[in-house]
Amino acid sequence: MNFDELPIFKKECKRLGKKYRSLPKDLQEFCNVVSVIPLGNSKHFNIITQNKASYIVKARLFCRYLKGSSLRIIYAYFEQKQKIEFIEIYFKGNKENEDRNRIKEYLSQLQT
């Protein structure tokens, strides 16, 4: 499985990583899980949208530093290419839902 990140995702991850020190290891563990089961196998994974080429998935990213609370991560899974591209990461306590405009913009860029 190949992994990639949008530039804005990298910024968010860096910002959150300063606050939640275990985030880099937790993100690596998440990558290990989605390498085996890209669409998840529990209630902690939710397919937001899908088209012929990709799935957009929202998942819980458990952070050891948070002890009980969790982060949310939005990613695109490309089944044919065996690739995952991270779109957004946020703390559920600060932001209720994902940035739908960012997802729409991302999908429109894929179409071109």
N, C-alpha and C. Protein backbone atom coordinates (compact mmCIF):
# COMPACT_ATOMS: atom_id res chain seq x y z
N MET A 1 0.85 -1.19 0.00
CA MET A 1 0.00 0.00 0.00
C MET A 1 0.89 1.24 0.00
N ASN A 2 0.56 2.18 -0.87
CA ASN A 2 1.28 3.45 -0.93
C ASN A 2 0.48 4.51 -0.18
N PHE A 3 1.19 5.37 0.54
CA PHE A 3 0.54 6.44 1.30
C PHE A 3 1.04 7.79 0.81
N ASP A 4 0.12 8.76 0.79
CA ASP A 4 0.46 10.12 0.40
C ASP A 4 -0.38 11.07 1.26
N GLU A 5 0.06 12.32 1.33
CA GLU A 5 -0.65 13.32 2.14
C GLU A 5 -0.80 14.61 1.34
N LEU A 6 -1.93 15.27 1.51
CA LEU A 6 -2.09 16.60 0.94
C LEU A 6 -1.24 17.57 1.77
N PRO A 7 -0.76 18.65 1.16
CA PRO A 7 0.05 19.63 1.91
C PRO A 7 -0.67 20.18 3.15
N ILE A 8 -1.97 20.43 3.04
CA ILE A 8 -2.72 20.97 4.19
C ILE A 8 -2.83 19.91 5.30
N PHE A 9 -2.89 18.65 4.91
CA PHE A 9 -2.90 17.57 5.91
C PHE A 9 -1.58 17.57 6.69
N LYS A 10 -0.48 17.75 5.98
CA LYS A 10 0.83 17.78 6.63
C LYS A 10 0.90 18.90 7.66
N LYS A 11 0.35 20.07 7.30
CA LYS A 11 0.32 21.21 8.24
C LYS A 11 -0.50 20.89 9.47
N GLU A 12 -1.69 20.32 9.26
CA GLU A 12 -2.56 19.96 10.39
C GLU A 12 -1.89 18.92 11.28
N CYS A 13 -1.26 17.97 10.65
CA CYS A 13 -0.60 16.89 11.39
C CYS A 13 0.55 17.45 12.23
N LYS A 14 1.30 18.35 11.65
CA LYS A 14 2.43 18.96 12.36
C LYS A 14 1.93 19.77 13.56
N ARG A 15 0.86 20.53 13.36
CA ARG A 15 0.28 21.36 14.42
C ARG A 15 -0.26 20.47 15.55
N LEU A 16 -1.00 19.43 15.18
CA LEU A 16 -1.55 18.52 16.19
C LEU A 16 -0.46 17.70 16.87
N GLY A 17 0.61 17.40 16.13
CA GLY A 17 1.72 16.62 16.68
C GLY A 17 2.45 17.33 17.80
N LYS A 18 2.44 18.66 17.75
CA LYS A 18 3.05 19.43 18.84
C LYS A 18 2.23 19.31 20.12
N LYS A 19 0.92 19.23 19.95
CA LYS A 19 0.03 19.15 21.10
C LYS A 19 -0.11 17.72 21.63
N TYR A 20 -0.18 16.76 20.70
CA TYR A 20 -0.36 15.35 21.05
C TYR A 20 0.89 14.59 20.60
N ARG A 21 1.81 14.40 21.52
CA ARG A 21 3.14 13.87 21.22
C ARG A 21 3.13 12.45 20.63
N SER A 22 2.11 11.67 20.92
CA SER A 22 2.09 10.29 20.42
C SER A 22 1.55 10.20 18.98
N LEU A 23 1.14 11.32 18.39
CA LEU A 23 0.48 11.31 17.08
C LEU A 23 1.31 10.63 15.98
N PRO A 24 2.60 10.92 15.83
CA PRO A 24 3.34 10.24 14.75
C PRO A 24 3.30 8.71 14.84
N LYS A 25 3.47 8.17 16.04
CA LYS A 25 3.40 6.71 16.21
C LYS A 25 1.98 6.20 16.01
N ASP A 26 1.00 6.96 16.48
CA ASP A 26 -0.40 6.56 16.31
C ASP A 26 -0.79 6.55 14.83
N LEU A 27 -0.29 7.54 14.09
CA LEU A 27 -0.58 7.61 12.65
C LEU A 27 0.09 6.43 11.93
N GLN A 28 1.28 6.06 12.35
CA GLN A 28 1.96 4.91 11.76
C GLN A 28 1.18 3.63 12.03
N GLU A 29 0.68 3.50 13.25
CA GLU A 29 -0.14 2.33 13.60
C GLU A 29 -1.42 2.29 12.77
N PHE A 30 -2.01 3.47 12.55
CA PHE A 30 -3.21 3.56 11.71
C PHE A 30 -2.89 3.10 10.29
N CYS A 31 -1.75 3.53 9.77
CA CYS A 31 -1.32 3.11 8.43
C CYS A 31 -1.18 1.59 8.35
N ASN A 32 -0.64 0.98 9.40
CA ASN A 32 -0.51 -0.47 9.43
C ASN A 32 -1.88 -1.15 9.36
N VAL A 33 -2.86 -0.58 10.05
CA VAL A 33 -4.22 -1.16 10.05
C VAL A 33 -4.87 -1.02 8.69
N VAL A 34 -4.84 0.18 8.10
CA VAL A 34 -5.52 0.38 6.82
C VAL A 34 -4.78 -0.28 5.66
N SER A 35 -3.52 -0.63 5.85
CA SER A 35 -2.82 -1.41 4.83
C SER A 35 -3.46 -2.77 4.66
N VAL A 36 -3.93 -3.33 5.76
CA VAL A 36 -4.55 -4.65 5.75
C VAL A 36 -6.04 -4.55 5.41
N ILE A 37 -6.72 -3.57 6.02
CA ILE A 37 -8.17 -3.41 5.83
C ILE A 37 -8.45 -1.95 5.45
N PRO A 38 -8.28 -1.59 4.17
CA PRO A 38 -8.38 -0.18 3.76
C PRO A 38 -9.70 0.52 4.06
N LEU A 39 -10.80 -0.23 4.02
CA LEU A 39 -12.10 0.39 4.28
C LEU A 39 -12.58 0.16 5.71
N GLY A 40 -11.74 -0.44 6.53
CA GLY A 40 -12.10 -0.68 7.91
C GLY A 40 -13.05 -1.85 8.06
N ASN A 41 -13.25 -2.26 9.29
CA ASN A 41 -14.15 -3.39 9.53
C ASN A 41 -14.98 -3.18 10.79
N SER A 42 -15.13 -1.92 11.20
CA SER A 42 -15.90 -1.67 12.41
C SER A 42 -16.67 -0.36 12.28
N LYS A 43 -17.34 -0.01 13.35
CA LYS A 43 -18.12 1.22 13.37
C LYS A 43 -17.23 2.46 13.37
N HIS A 44 -15.93 2.29 13.53
CA HIS A 44 -15.01 3.42 13.58
C HIS A 44 -14.60 3.90 12.19
N PHE A 45 -15.08 3.23 11.15
CA PHE A 45 -14.81 3.62 9.77
C PHE A 45 -16.13 3.89 9.08
N ASN A 46 -16.19 4.97 8.30
CA ASN A 46 -17.42 5.33 7.61
C ASN A 46 -17.07 5.83 6.22
N ILE A 47 -17.64 5.18 5.19
CA ILE A 47 -17.42 5.64 3.82
C ILE A 47 -18.32 6.84 3.58
N ILE A 48 -17.70 7.99 3.34
CA ILE A 48 -18.46 9.23 3.12
C ILE A 48 -19.02 9.25 1.71
N THR A 49 -18.17 8.94 0.74
CA THR A 49 -18.60 8.93 -0.66
C THR A 49 -17.70 7.98 -1.44
N GLN A 50 -18.20 7.56 -2.58
CA GLN A 50 -17.38 6.70 -3.42
C GLN A 50 -17.72 6.95 -4.88
N ASN A 51 -16.76 6.71 -5.74
CA ASN A 51 -16.99 6.77 -7.17
C ASN A 51 -16.26 5.58 -7.80
N LYS A 52 -16.12 5.57 -9.10
CA LYS A 52 -15.49 4.43 -9.77
C LYS A 52 -14.05 4.22 -9.32
N ALA A 53 -13.34 5.31 -9.09
CA ALA A 53 -11.90 5.22 -8.83
C ALA A 53 -11.53 5.17 -7.35
N SER A 54 -12.38 5.77 -6.49
CA SER A 54 -11.93 5.91 -5.10
C SER A 54 -13.08 5.88 -4.10
N TYR A 55 -12.68 5.70 -2.84
CA TYR A 55 -13.57 5.81 -1.69
C TYR A 55 -13.03 6.93 -0.83
N ILE A 56 -13.91 7.76 -0.29
CA ILE A 56 -13.52 8.75 0.71
C ILE A 56 -14.01 8.20 2.05
N VAL A 57 -13.08 8.01 2.98
CA VAL A 57 -13.40 7.36 4.24
C VAL A 57 -13.07 8.28 5.40
N LYS A 58 -13.97 8.29 6.39
CA LYS A 58 -13.76 9.00 7.65
C LYS A 58 -13.56 7.94 8.72
N ALA A 59 -12.50 8.10 9.51
CA ALA A 59 -12.20 7.09 10.51
C ALA A 59 -11.73 7.73 11.80
N ARG A 60 -11.84 6.97 12.87
CA ARG A 60 -11.27 7.40 14.15
C ARG A 60 -9.80 7.05 14.17
N LEU A 61 -9.01 7.99 14.61
CA LEU A 61 -7.59 7.75 14.80
C LEU A 61 -7.34 7.83 16.30
N PHE A 62 -7.14 6.69 16.92
CA PHE A 62 -6.95 6.67 18.37
C PHE A 62 -5.58 7.21 18.71
N CYS A 63 -5.57 8.16 19.60
CA CYS A 63 -4.32 8.81 20.02
C CYS A 63 -4.09 8.48 21.49
N ARG A 64 -2.98 7.82 21.77
CA ARG A 64 -2.69 7.43 23.15
C ARG A 64 -2.60 8.63 24.08
N TYR A 65 -2.17 9.74 23.56
CA TYR A 65 -2.02 10.95 24.36
C TYR A 65 -3.37 11.47 24.85
N LEU A 66 -4.43 11.24 24.10
CA LEU A 66 -5.76 11.75 24.44
C LEU A 66 -6.50 10.89 25.46
N LYS A 67 -6.14 9.64 25.61
CA LYS A 67 -6.73 8.74 26.61
C LYS A 67 -8.27 8.74 26.58
N GLY A 68 -8.81 8.15 25.58
CA GLY A 68 -10.27 8.03 25.51
C GLY A 68 -10.88 8.82 24.37
N SER A 69 -10.45 10.05 24.19
CA SER A 69 -10.93 10.82 23.04
C SER A 69 -10.15 10.38 21.82
N SER A 70 -10.60 10.81 20.67
CA SER A 70 -9.88 10.42 19.47
C SER A 70 -9.91 11.53 18.43
N LEU A 71 -9.03 11.39 17.49
CA LEU A 71 -8.96 12.30 16.36
C LEU A 71 -9.76 11.68 15.21
N ARG A 72 -10.11 12.49 14.26
CA ARG A 72 -10.76 11.98 13.05
C ARG A 72 -9.80 12.20 11.89
N ILE A 73 -9.81 11.24 10.98
CA ILE A 73 -8.96 11.33 9.82
C ILE A 73 -9.79 11.02 8.58
N ILE A 74 -9.62 11.82 7.54
CA ILE A 74 -10.33 11.63 6.28
C ILE A 74 -9.28 11.23 5.25
N TYR A 75 -9.56 10.16 4.52
CA TYR A 75 -8.61 9.74 3.50
C TYR A 75 -9.32 9.19 2.28
N ALA A 76 -8.60 9.19 1.17
CA ALA A 76 -9.11 8.61 -0.08
C ALA A 76 -8.39 7.30 -0.31
N TYR A 77 -9.16 6.28 -0.64
CA TYR A 77 -8.58 4.96 -0.94
C TYR A 77 -8.82 4.66 -2.41
N PHE A 78 -7.74 4.42 -3.13
CA PHE A 78 -7.81 4.07 -4.54
C PHE A 78 -7.53 2.57 -4.68
N GLU A 79 -8.58 1.81 -4.92
CA GLU A 79 -8.47 0.35 -4.93
C GLU A 79 -7.56 -0.16 -6.05
N GLN A 80 -7.71 0.40 -7.25
CA GLN A 80 -6.92 -0.06 -8.38
C GLN A 80 -5.43 0.21 -8.19
N LYS A 81 -5.10 1.37 -7.64
CA LYS A 81 -3.69 1.76 -7.46
C LYS A 81 -3.10 1.27 -6.14
N GLN A 82 -3.96 0.74 -5.27
CA GLN A 82 -3.53 0.36 -3.91
C GLN A 82 -2.83 1.54 -3.24
N LYS A 83 -3.56 2.66 -3.19
CA LYS A 83 -3.00 3.89 -2.65
C LYS A 83 -3.99 4.54 -1.70
N ILE A 84 -3.46 5.15 -0.64
CA ILE A 84 -4.27 5.92 0.30
C ILE A 84 -3.68 7.32 0.36
N GLU A 85 -4.55 8.31 0.24
CA GLU A 85 -4.11 9.70 0.32
C GLU A 85 -4.87 10.37 1.46
N PHE A 86 -4.12 10.89 2.44
CA PHE A 86 -4.74 11.54 3.59
C PHE A 86 -5.15 12.95 3.22
N ILE A 87 -6.39 13.30 3.58
CA ILE A 87 -6.97 14.59 3.20
C ILE A 87 -7.07 15.54 4.39
N GLU A 88 -7.54 15.03 5.53
CA GLU A 88 -7.78 15.91 6.68
C GLU A 88 -7.63 15.14 7.98
N ILE A 89 -7.16 15.84 9.01
CA ILE A 89 -7.10 15.29 10.36
C ILE A 89 -7.53 16.39 11.32
N TYR A 90 -8.37 16.03 12.30
CA TYR A 90 -8.82 17.03 13.27
C TYR A 90 -9.22 16.37 14.57
N PHE A 91 -9.22 17.17 15.63
CA PHE A 91 -9.64 16.72 16.95
C PHE A 91 -11.14 16.92 17.05
N LYS A 92 -11.85 15.86 17.39
CA LYS A 92 -13.32 15.89 17.45
C LYS A 92 -13.84 16.94 18.43
N GLY A 93 -13.09 17.24 19.49
CA GLY A 93 -13.52 18.22 20.46
C GLY A 93 -13.50 19.66 19.95
N ASN A 94 -12.67 19.92 18.93
CA ASN A 94 -12.55 21.28 18.38
C ASN A 94 -13.41 21.50 17.16
N LYS A 95 -13.73 20.45 16.46
CA LYS A 95 -14.43 20.56 15.19
C LYS A 95 -15.43 19.42 15.08
N GLU A 96 -16.68 19.73 14.86
CA GLU A 96 -17.72 18.71 14.88
C GLU A 96 -17.65 17.78 13.67
N ASN A 97 -17.49 18.35 12.47
CA ASN A 97 -17.52 17.54 11.25
C ASN A 97 -16.35 17.86 10.33
N GLU A 98 -16.17 16.98 9.36
CA GLU A 98 -15.12 17.18 8.37
C GLU A 98 -15.40 18.40 7.50
N ASP A 99 -14.38 18.87 6.82
CA ASP A 99 -14.49 20.02 5.92
C ASP A 99 -15.01 19.52 4.57
N ARG A 100 -16.31 19.60 4.39
CA ARG A 100 -16.95 19.09 3.16
C ARG A 100 -16.44 19.81 1.92
N ASN A 101 -16.16 21.12 2.04
CA ASN A 101 -15.66 21.86 0.89
C ASN A 101 -14.30 21.33 0.45
N ARG A 102 -13.46 20.97 1.40
CA ARG A 102 -12.14 20.43 1.05
C ARG A 102 -12.30 19.10 0.31
N ILE A 103 -13.24 18.28 0.76
CA ILE A 103 -13.48 16.99 0.10
C ILE A 103 -14.01 17.21 -1.32
N LYS A 104 -14.96 18.13 -1.47
CA LYS A 104 -15.50 18.43 -2.81
C LYS A 104 -14.41 18.94 -3.74
N GLU A 105 -13.57 19.82 -3.22
CA GLU A 105 -12.47 20.37 -4.02
C GLU A 105 -11.50 19.26 -4.41
N TYR A 106 -11.20 18.38 -3.47
CA TYR A 106 -10.30 17.26 -3.73
C TYR A 106 -10.87 16.37 -4.83
N LEU A 107 -12.15 16.04 -4.72
CA LEU A 107 -12.79 15.19 -5.72
C LEU A 107 -12.83 15.85 -7.09
N SER A 108 -13.06 17.16 -7.12
CA SER A 108 -13.09 17.86 -8.41
C SER A 108 -11.70 17.87 -9.06
N GLN A 109 -10.64 17.93 -8.25
CA GLN A 109 -9.28 17.87 -8.80
C GLN A 109 -8.99 16.48 -9.37
N LEU A 110 -9.58 15.46 -8.79
CA LEU A 110 -9.38 14.09 -9.30
C LEU A 110 -10.03 13.92 -10.67
N GLN A 111 -11.14 14.62 -10.88
CA GLN A 111 -11.89 14.49 -12.14
C GLN A 111 -11.12 15.05 -13.32
N THR A 112 -10.28 16.07 -13.06
CA THR A 112 -9.58 16.73 -14.18
C THR A 112 -8.32 16.00 -14.58
